[in-house]
Protein backbone atom coordinates (compact mmCIF):
# COMPACT_ATOMS: atom_id res chain seq x y z
CA UNK A 1 51.20 22.79 4.99
CA UNK A 2 49.29 20.71 2.47
CA UNK A 3 46.23 22.14 0.78
CA UNK A 4 42.84 20.79 1.89
CA UNK A 5 41.29 18.17 -0.39
CA UNK A 6 38.76 19.42 -2.93
CA UNK A 7 35.10 18.98 -2.01
CA UNK A 8 33.45 15.76 -3.14
CA UNK A 9 31.69 16.09 -6.46
CA UNK A 10 29.38 13.37 -7.68
CA UNK A 11 29.89 12.15 -11.24
CA UNK A 12 26.14 11.68 -11.59
CA UNK A 13 23.86 14.55 -12.61
CA UNK A 14 21.71 16.06 -9.84
CA UNK A 15 18.47 14.22 -9.18
CA UNK A 16 15.43 16.05 -10.47
CA UNK A 17 12.09 16.11 -8.70
CA UNK A 18 10.65 13.83 -11.38
CA UNK A 19 13.38 11.24 -10.83
CA UNK A 20 12.94 11.50 -7.07
CA UNK A 21 9.24 10.69 -7.46
CA UNK A 22 10.09 7.72 -9.70
CA UNK A 23 12.58 6.40 -7.14
CA UNK A 24 10.00 6.74 -4.39
CA UNK A 25 7.39 4.98 -6.52
CA UNK A 26 9.87 2.20 -7.24
CA UNK A 27 10.50 1.76 -3.52
CA UNK A 28 6.78 1.62 -2.79
CA UNK A 29 6.11 -0.99 -5.49
CA UNK A 30 9.14 -3.04 -4.40
CA UNK A 31 7.75 -3.17 -0.87
CA UNK A 32 4.32 -4.28 -2.10
CA UNK A 33 5.82 -6.96 -4.35
CA UNK A 34 8.20 -8.44 -1.78
CA UNK A 35 6.40 -7.89 1.54
CA UNK A 36 3.24 -9.90 2.22
CA UNK A 37 2.38 -7.72 5.21
CA UNK A 38 2.41 -4.65 2.99
CA UNK A 39 -0.10 -6.31 0.69
CA UNK A 40 -2.33 -7.03 3.67
CA UNK A 41 -2.11 -3.38 4.71
CA UNK A 42 -3.10 -2.30 1.20
CA UNK A 43 -6.17 -4.55 1.31
CA UNK A 44 -7.07 -3.14 4.74
CA UNK A 45 -6.69 0.35 3.30
CA UNK A 46 -9.09 -0.55 0.50
CA UNK A 47 -11.66 -1.67 3.07
CA UNK A 48 -11.23 1.56 5.04
CA UNK A 49 -11.66 3.54 1.83
CA UNK A 50 -14.88 1.70 1.05
CA UNK A 51 -16.25 2.34 4.53
CA UNK A 52 -15.27 6.00 4.43
CA UNK A 53 -16.85 6.53 1.04
CA UNK A 54 -20.06 4.73 2.03
CA UNK A 55 -20.77 6.32 5.43
CA UNK A 56 -21.22 10.08 5.97
CA UNK A 57 -18.50 10.55 8.59
CA UNK A 58 -17.38 13.83 10.13
CA UNK A 59 -14.19 15.61 9.14
CA UNK A 60 -12.33 14.49 12.26
CA UNK A 61 -13.17 10.82 11.69
CA UNK A 62 -12.14 11.06 8.04
CA UNK A 63 -8.82 12.69 8.86
CA UNK A 64 -8.05 10.14 11.60
CA UNK A 65 -8.80 7.12 9.40
CA UNK A 66 -6.79 8.43 6.46
CA UNK A 67 -3.88 9.31 8.74
CA UNK A 68 -3.93 5.84 10.32
CA UNK A 69 -3.89 4.11 6.92
CA UNK A 70 -0.98 6.21 5.68
CA UNK A 71 0.90 5.83 8.95
CA UNK A 72 0.71 2.03 8.84
CA UNK A 73 1.88 1.98 5.21
CA UNK A 74 4.75 4.32 6.08
CA UNK A 75 5.75 2.17 9.05
CA UNK A 76 5.77 -0.99 6.93
CA UNK A 77 7.97 0.66 4.30
CA UNK A 78 10.32 1.94 7.00
CA UNK A 79 10.48 -1.55 8.50
CA UNK A 80 11.28 -3.03 5.08
CA UNK A 81 14.04 -0.47 4.53
CA UNK A 82 15.51 -1.28 7.94
CA UNK A 83 15.48 -5.00 7.13
CA UNK A 84 17.35 -4.34 3.88
CA UNK A 85 19.90 -2.22 5.73
CA UNK A 86 20.47 -4.87 8.40
CA UNK A 87 20.86 -7.60 5.76
CA UNK A 88 23.36 -5.42 3.93
CA UNK A 89 25.44 -4.80 7.04
CA UNK A 90 25.19 -8.29 8.52
CA UNK A 91 26.01 -11.11 6.10
CA UNK A 92 25.58 -13.88 8.67
CA UNK A 93 23.16 -14.62 11.48
CA UNK A 94 23.46 -12.27 14.41
CA UNK A 95 21.17 -12.21 17.44
CA UNK A 96 21.24 -8.40 17.67
CA UNK A 97 20.36 -8.07 13.99
CA UNK A 98 17.42 -10.42 14.50
CA UNK A 99 16.33 -8.44 17.54
CA UNK A 100 16.49 -5.22 15.53
CA UNK A 101 14.20 -6.68 12.87
CA UNK A 102 11.83 -8.09 15.49
CA UNK A 103 11.50 -4.75 17.28
CA UNK A 104 10.86 -2.90 14.01
CA UNK A 105 8.21 -5.44 13.05
CA UNK A 106 6.65 -5.09 16.50
CA UNK A 107 6.36 -1.35 15.94
CA UNK A 108 4.36 -1.95 12.77
CA UNK A 109 2.20 -4.48 14.60
CA UNK A 110 1.43 -1.98 17.37
CA UNK A 111 0.41 0.63 14.80
CA UNK A 112 -1.77 -1.88 12.94
CA UNK A 113 -3.54 -2.93 16.14
CA UNK A 114 -4.00 0.69 17.11
CA UNK A 115 -5.51 1.43 13.73
CA UNK A 116 -8.00 -1.42 14.14
CA UNK A 117 -8.97 -0.09 17.58
CA UNK A 118 -9.44 3.44 16.21
CA UNK A 119 -11.45 2.10 13.27
CA UNK A 120 -13.71 0.16 15.65
CA UNK A 121 -14.11 3.23 17.88
CA UNK A 122 -15.15 5.33 14.90
CA UNK A 123 -17.72 2.74 13.84
CA UNK A 124 -19.14 2.45 17.36
CA UNK A 125 -19.29 6.22 17.78
CA UNK A 126 -21.16 6.51 14.48
CA UNK A 127 -23.38 3.46 14.99
CA UNK A 128 -26.55 5.58 14.64
CA UNK A 129 -25.36 6.78 11.23
CA UNK A 130 -24.52 3.24 10.16
CA UNK A 131 -27.91 1.85 11.14
CA UNK A 132 -29.68 4.73 9.41
CA UNK A 133 -27.76 4.02 6.17
CA UNK A 134 -28.04 0.24 5.95
CA UNK A 135 -28.95 0.24 2.22
CA UNK A 136 -25.75 2.19 1.51
CA UNK A 137 -23.74 -0.25 3.62
CA UNK A 138 -25.19 -3.21 1.74
CA UNK A 139 -24.35 -1.52 -1.56
CA UNK A 140 -20.76 -0.93 -0.44
CA UNK A 141 -20.44 -4.57 0.59
CA UNK A 142 -21.78 -5.78 -2.75
CA UNK A 143 -19.26 -3.64 -4.61
CA UNK A 144 -16.47 -3.78 -2.05
CA UNK A 145 -16.07 -7.56 -2.01
CA UNK A 146 -15.19 -7.83 -5.72
CA UNK A 147 -13.12 -4.62 -5.59
CA UNK A 148 -11.03 -5.98 -2.75
CA UNK A 149 -10.70 -9.31 -4.55
CA UNK A 150 -9.46 -7.63 -7.74
CA UNK A 151 -6.96 -5.53 -5.79
CA UNK A 152 -5.63 -8.55 -3.91
CA UNK A 153 -5.46 -10.63 -7.09
CA UNK A 154 -3.38 -7.94 -8.81
CA UNK A 155 -0.85 -8.02 -5.98
CA UNK A 156 -0.78 -11.80 -5.57
CA UNK A 157 2.58 -13.44 -6.24
CA UNK A 158 1.11 -16.29 -8.28
CA UNK A 159 2.31 -16.29 -11.87
CA UNK A 160 -0.45 -15.04 -14.18
CA UNK A 161 -0.73 -14.28 -17.89
CA UNK A 162 -0.78 -10.60 -18.77
CA UNK A 163 -4.38 -10.71 -19.97
CA UNK A 164 -5.49 -12.00 -16.55
CA UNK A 165 -3.88 -9.01 -14.83
CA UNK A 166 -5.53 -6.75 -17.40
CA UNK A 167 -8.92 -8.30 -16.61
CA UNK A 168 -8.32 -7.88 -12.88
CA UNK A 169 -7.30 -4.26 -13.43
CA UNK A 170 -10.40 -3.51 -15.50
CA UNK A 171 -12.56 -5.24 -12.92
CA UNK A 172 -11.03 -3.16 -10.12
CA UNK A 173 -11.51 0.06 -12.06
CA UNK A 174 -15.06 -0.85 -12.99
CA UNK A 175 -16.13 -1.69 -9.45
CA UNK A 176 -14.48 1.48 -8.14
CA UNK A 177 -16.32 3.55 -10.75
CA UNK A 178 -19.57 1.91 -9.63
CA UNK A 179 -19.12 3.46 -6.17
CA UNK A 180 -18.69 7.02 -7.42
CA UNK A 181 -22.39 7.95 -7.89
CA UNK A 182 -23.08 7.04 -4.25
CA UNK A 183 -19.88 8.13 -2.55
CA UNK A 184 -20.07 10.16 0.64
CA UNK A 185 -16.45 11.32 0.38
CA UNK A 186 -14.47 12.11 -2.73
CA UNK A 187 -11.31 11.98 -0.62
CA UNK A 188 -11.89 8.36 0.40
CA UNK A 189 -12.81 7.46 -3.19
CA UNK A 190 -9.55 9.05 -4.35
CA UNK A 191 -7.60 7.14 -1.69
CA UNK A 192 -9.22 3.88 -2.82
CA UNK A 193 -8.27 4.63 -6.42
CA UNK A 194 -4.72 5.42 -5.37
CA UNK A 195 -4.41 2.08 -3.58
CA UNK A 196 -5.76 0.30 -6.67
CA UNK A 197 -3.11 2.06 -8.75
CA UNK A 198 -0.51 0.66 -6.34
CA UNK A 199 -2.01 -2.82 -6.81
CA UNK A 200 -1.77 -2.40 -10.58
CA UNK A 201 1.80 -1.15 -10.25
CA UNK A 202 2.73 -4.31 -8.35
CA UNK A 203 1.20 -6.47 -11.09
CA UNK A 204 3.11 -4.55 -13.78
CA UNK A 205 6.36 -4.91 -11.83
CA UNK A 206 5.90 -8.67 -11.55
CA UNK A 207 5.17 -8.99 -15.27
CA UNK A 208 8.29 -6.97 -16.14
CA UNK A 209 10.47 -9.04 -13.83
CA UNK A 210 9.22 -12.30 -15.32
CA UNK A 211 9.70 -11.02 -18.84
CA UNK A 212 13.27 -9.92 -18.01
CA UNK A 213 14.10 -13.26 -16.39
CA UNK A 214 12.70 -15.10 -19.41
CA UNK A 215 14.96 -13.09 -21.72
CA UNK A 216 18.02 -13.82 -19.61
CA UNK A 217 17.46 -17.57 -19.62
CA UNK A 218 19.66 -19.44 -22.09
CA UNK A 219 17.93 -20.77 -25.17
């Protein structure tokens, strides 16, 4: 009777928690860079963060809005991963592969629509708070428009010089800092900052890719 084969042993060292976080961050940035829908979700998340930090909402409303934003981002990343897996397994057009992608995309669409409905319900339910804080709403709009623009510009696929991305990043950080003295929720302000960091990460990734491709081009 032959002896059982030895257990599989990877030649690579075990992945540390730090490396796992880096891999996850790389996957997040890759999704933002290559998926337009993900960029739209990030911009929507910025708007939700601005609303949440400008209106004194209750704990339940805050938790629901934050959960909805994170759930949509998670669904979009899962959809992107599924698309990559299908493309890897199917090298030519297949109707079932297309249907798989379509259904996954539909799931993200349903979540996004549901999030909009929940967001509208929260605003309607808190209409009295909104109308009693109109100056704060106007202030958030004045700051939120340029903040959202800077975040979207950082993620945009158009080729830009490095100094332009730096200016956009400083503008985004400056407008975010301008909201801090008036914020109604440190959690929403932190979420907005986190999304801006993702925007900056996408800009850095694009700059690195272009620099690497420029080096690989023949002289």
